[in-house]
Amino acid sequence: MNKQWLLASLLGLAPLPALASAFYVAVDAAHTGFDVDATDDYDGINESSNGYGLGIGFRFNRVLSLEITERDLGDLS
């Protein structure tokens, strides 16, 4: 009886590596810069900011995935 439970448990865990490879993590970074020359009526802009993104996803098959991502695009004043 114990051997049957052990075999059933091992067979139940067999799909886990395939399922684990379907999850992924996404990380990105960005740098934004504006440099607008001054004119007679305008002082100009010389600003820059950094941003980031973090996300997780699940790949169902070759063409279908679901991803949730948080992005901070930086702050320009």
N, C-alpha and C. Protein backbone atom coordinates (compact mmCIF):
# COMPACT_ATOMS: atom_id res chain seq x y z
N MET A 1 0.81 -1.20 0.00
CA MET A 1 0.00 0.00 0.00
C MET A 1 0.86 1.26 0.00
N ASN A 2 1.94 1.27 0.79
CA ASN A 2 2.82 2.43 0.85
C ASN A 2 3.51 2.67 -0.49
N LYS A 3 3.83 1.59 -1.21
CA LYS A 3 4.47 1.75 -2.52
C LYS A 3 3.50 2.39 -3.51
N GLN A 4 2.22 2.06 -3.40
CA GLN A 4 1.23 2.67 -4.29
C GLN A 4 1.10 4.16 -4.02
N TRP A 5 1.10 4.57 -2.75
CA TRP A 5 1.03 5.98 -2.41
C TRP A 5 2.28 6.72 -2.90
N LEU A 6 3.42 6.10 -2.74
CA LEU A 6 4.67 6.71 -3.20
C LEU A 6 4.65 6.89 -4.71
N LEU A 7 4.22 5.86 -5.44
CA LEU A 7 4.14 5.95 -6.90
C LEU A 7 3.13 7.01 -7.32
N ALA A 8 1.98 7.05 -6.67
CA ALA A 8 0.96 8.06 -7.00
C ALA A 8 1.47 9.47 -6.72
N SER A 9 2.20 9.64 -5.62
CA SER A 9 2.76 10.95 -5.28
C SER A 9 3.80 11.39 -6.31
N LEU A 10 4.68 10.48 -6.70
CA LEU A 10 5.70 10.82 -7.69
C LEU A 10 5.08 11.15 -9.05
N LEU A 11 4.08 10.38 -9.45
CA LEU A 11 3.41 10.67 -10.72
C LEU A 11 2.64 11.99 -10.65
N GLY A 12 2.13 12.33 -9.48
CA GLY A 12 1.44 13.60 -9.31
C GLY A 12 2.38 14.79 -9.39
N LEU A 13 3.63 14.59 -8.98
CA LEU A 13 4.62 15.67 -9.03
C LEU A 13 5.30 15.78 -10.38
N ALA A 14 5.12 14.83 -11.26
CA ALA A 14 5.80 14.82 -12.56
C ALA A 14 5.54 16.08 -13.39
N PRO A 15 4.33 16.64 -13.44
CA PRO A 15 4.11 17.83 -14.27
C PRO A 15 4.68 19.11 -13.68
N LEU A 16 5.13 19.13 -12.44
CA LEU A 16 5.61 20.37 -11.83
C LEU A 16 6.76 21.04 -12.57
N PRO A 17 7.79 20.34 -13.05
CA PRO A 17 8.84 21.04 -13.80
C PRO A 17 8.31 21.73 -15.05
N ALA A 18 7.38 21.11 -15.73
CA ALA A 18 6.80 21.75 -16.92
C ALA A 18 5.99 22.97 -16.52
N LEU A 19 5.27 22.90 -15.43
CA LEU A 19 4.47 24.03 -14.96
C LEU A 19 5.37 25.15 -14.47
N ALA A 20 6.44 24.79 -13.77
CA ALA A 20 7.35 25.80 -13.24
C ALA A 20 8.04 26.56 -14.36
N SER A 21 8.32 25.93 -15.48
CA SER A 21 8.98 26.62 -16.58
C SER A 21 8.03 27.56 -17.31
N ALA A 22 6.73 27.45 -17.06
CA ALA A 22 5.76 28.33 -17.71
C ALA A 22 5.68 29.68 -17.01
N PHE A 23 6.12 29.78 -15.76
CA PHE A 23 6.15 31.06 -15.05
C PHE A 23 7.42 31.82 -15.43
N TYR A 24 7.32 33.14 -15.49
CA TYR A 24 8.51 33.94 -15.76
C TYR A 24 8.43 35.27 -15.03
N VAL A 25 9.57 35.93 -14.93
CA VAL A 25 9.69 37.23 -14.28
C VAL A 25 10.22 38.21 -15.31
N ALA A 26 9.63 39.39 -15.35
CA ALA A 26 10.07 40.44 -16.28
C ALA A 26 10.62 41.62 -15.49
N VAL A 27 11.78 42.12 -15.89
CA VAL A 27 12.41 43.28 -15.25
C VAL A 27 12.90 44.19 -16.36
N ASP A 28 12.62 45.50 -16.24
CA ASP A 28 13.16 46.43 -17.22
C ASP A 28 13.53 47.74 -16.55
N ALA A 29 14.38 48.49 -17.21
CA ALA A 29 14.83 49.79 -16.72
C ALA A 29 14.81 50.76 -17.88
N ALA A 30 14.60 52.05 -17.57
CA ALA A 30 14.52 53.06 -18.62
C ALA A 30 15.12 54.37 -18.13
N HIS A 31 15.60 55.14 -19.07
CA HIS A 31 16.08 56.50 -18.80
C HIS A 31 15.46 57.42 -19.82
N THR A 32 14.81 58.49 -19.35
CA THR A 32 14.15 59.45 -20.23
C THR A 32 14.81 60.80 -20.06
N GLY A 33 15.06 61.47 -21.16
CA GLY A 33 15.66 62.79 -21.10
C GLY A 33 15.04 63.74 -22.11
N PHE A 34 14.85 64.98 -21.71
CA PHE A 34 14.36 66.04 -22.60
C PHE A 34 15.37 67.17 -22.60
N ASP A 35 15.67 67.64 -23.78
CA ASP A 35 16.58 68.77 -23.91
C ASP A 35 16.03 69.67 -25.01
N VAL A 36 15.31 70.71 -24.60
CA VAL A 36 14.71 71.64 -25.55
C VAL A 36 15.43 72.97 -25.42
N ASP A 37 15.89 73.48 -26.54
CA ASP A 37 16.63 74.74 -26.52
C ASP A 37 15.74 75.92 -26.15
N ALA A 38 16.34 76.89 -25.53
CA ALA A 38 15.62 78.10 -25.13
C ALA A 38 15.38 78.99 -26.35
N THR A 39 14.27 79.71 -26.30
CA THR A 39 13.96 80.72 -27.33
C THR A 39 13.76 82.05 -26.63
N ASP A 40 13.37 83.08 -27.39
CA ASP A 40 13.13 84.39 -26.78
C ASP A 40 11.97 84.34 -25.79
N ASP A 41 10.96 83.52 -26.06
CA ASP A 41 9.77 83.47 -25.20
C ASP A 41 9.79 82.30 -24.22
N TYR A 42 10.77 81.42 -24.31
CA TYR A 42 10.74 80.19 -23.52
C TYR A 42 12.13 79.89 -22.97
N ASP A 43 12.20 79.48 -21.71
CA ASP A 43 13.50 79.25 -21.05
C ASP A 43 14.17 77.94 -21.46
N GLY A 44 13.41 76.99 -22.00
CA GLY A 44 13.99 75.70 -22.39
C GLY A 44 13.85 74.65 -21.29
N ILE A 45 14.11 73.41 -21.66
CA ILE A 45 13.99 72.29 -20.72
C ILE A 45 15.24 71.43 -20.84
N ASN A 46 15.79 71.06 -19.72
CA ASN A 46 16.87 70.09 -19.67
C ASN A 46 16.62 69.20 -18.47
N GLU A 47 15.80 68.18 -18.65
CA GLU A 47 15.37 67.30 -17.56
C GLU A 47 15.65 65.85 -17.93
N SER A 48 15.86 65.01 -16.92
CA SER A 48 15.99 63.58 -17.15
C SER A 48 15.47 62.83 -15.92
N SER A 49 15.09 61.58 -16.14
CA SER A 49 14.54 60.77 -15.07
C SER A 49 14.76 59.29 -15.38
N ASN A 50 14.78 58.47 -14.35
CA ASN A 50 14.93 57.03 -14.50
C ASN A 50 13.62 56.34 -14.13
N GLY A 51 13.36 55.21 -14.76
CA GLY A 51 12.16 54.43 -14.47
C GLY A 51 12.48 52.95 -14.41
N TYR A 52 11.50 52.17 -14.00
CA TYR A 52 11.69 50.73 -13.88
C TYR A 52 10.37 50.02 -14.11
N GLY A 53 10.45 48.72 -14.31
CA GLY A 53 9.27 47.87 -14.42
C GLY A 53 9.56 46.50 -13.85
N LEU A 54 8.59 45.94 -13.14
CA LEU A 54 8.69 44.61 -12.57
C LEU A 54 7.40 43.87 -12.88
N GLY A 55 7.52 42.62 -13.28
CA GLY A 55 6.31 41.87 -13.60
C GLY A 55 6.50 40.37 -13.46
N ILE A 56 5.37 39.68 -13.42
CA ILE A 56 5.36 38.23 -13.43
C ILE A 56 4.38 37.78 -14.50
N GLY A 57 4.60 36.60 -15.02
CA GLY A 57 3.71 36.10 -16.06
C GLY A 57 3.64 34.59 -16.07
N PHE A 58 2.68 34.11 -16.83
CA PHE A 58 2.48 32.68 -17.02
C PHE A 58 2.25 32.43 -18.50
N ARG A 59 3.02 31.53 -19.06
CA ARG A 59 2.90 31.19 -20.48
C ARG A 59 2.06 29.93 -20.62
N PHE A 60 0.85 30.08 -21.20
CA PHE A 60 -0.05 28.96 -21.38
C PHE A 60 0.38 28.05 -22.53
N ASN A 61 0.77 28.66 -23.65
CA ASN A 61 1.27 27.93 -24.80
C ASN A 61 2.15 28.86 -25.62
N ARG A 62 2.46 28.48 -26.85
CA ARG A 62 3.38 29.26 -27.67
C ARG A 62 2.89 30.66 -27.98
N VAL A 63 1.57 30.86 -28.04
CA VAL A 63 1.04 32.15 -28.46
C VAL A 63 0.22 32.87 -27.40
N LEU A 64 0.00 32.28 -26.23
CA LEU A 64 -0.85 32.90 -25.23
C LEU A 64 -0.15 32.95 -23.88
N SER A 65 -0.01 34.17 -23.35
CA SER A 65 0.58 34.40 -22.04
C SER A 65 -0.25 35.43 -21.29
N LEU A 66 -0.13 35.42 -19.99
CA LEU A 66 -0.76 36.41 -19.13
C LEU A 66 0.32 37.04 -18.29
N GLU A 67 0.39 38.38 -18.27
CA GLU A 67 1.45 39.07 -17.55
C GLU A 67 0.87 40.23 -16.77
N ILE A 68 1.35 40.41 -15.55
CA ILE A 68 0.99 41.55 -14.71
C ILE A 68 2.29 42.31 -14.44
N THR A 69 2.29 43.60 -14.77
CA THR A 69 3.51 44.40 -14.66
C THR A 69 3.21 45.72 -13.98
N GLU A 70 4.12 46.15 -13.12
CA GLU A 70 4.09 47.49 -12.51
C GLU A 70 5.21 48.28 -13.14
N ARG A 71 4.89 49.48 -13.67
CA ARG A 71 5.92 50.32 -14.30
C ARG A 71 5.91 51.71 -13.66
N ASP A 72 7.07 52.20 -13.37
CA ASP A 72 7.26 53.57 -12.93
C ASP A 72 8.05 54.26 -14.03
N LEU A 73 7.45 55.21 -14.70
CA LEU A 73 8.08 55.85 -15.85
C LEU A 73 8.95 57.04 -15.46
N GLY A 74 9.13 57.26 -14.19
CA GLY A 74 9.96 58.37 -13.75
C GLY A 74 9.11 59.60 -13.52
N ASP A 75 9.76 60.69 -13.13
CA ASP A 75 9.05 61.94 -12.82
C ASP A 75 9.82 63.10 -13.40
N LEU A 76 9.20 63.81 -14.31
CA LEU A 76 9.78 65.04 -14.87
C LEU A 76 9.00 66.21 -14.34
N SER A 77 9.70 67.18 -13.82
CA SER A 77 9.00 68.35 -13.27
C SER A 77 9.12 69.55 -14.19
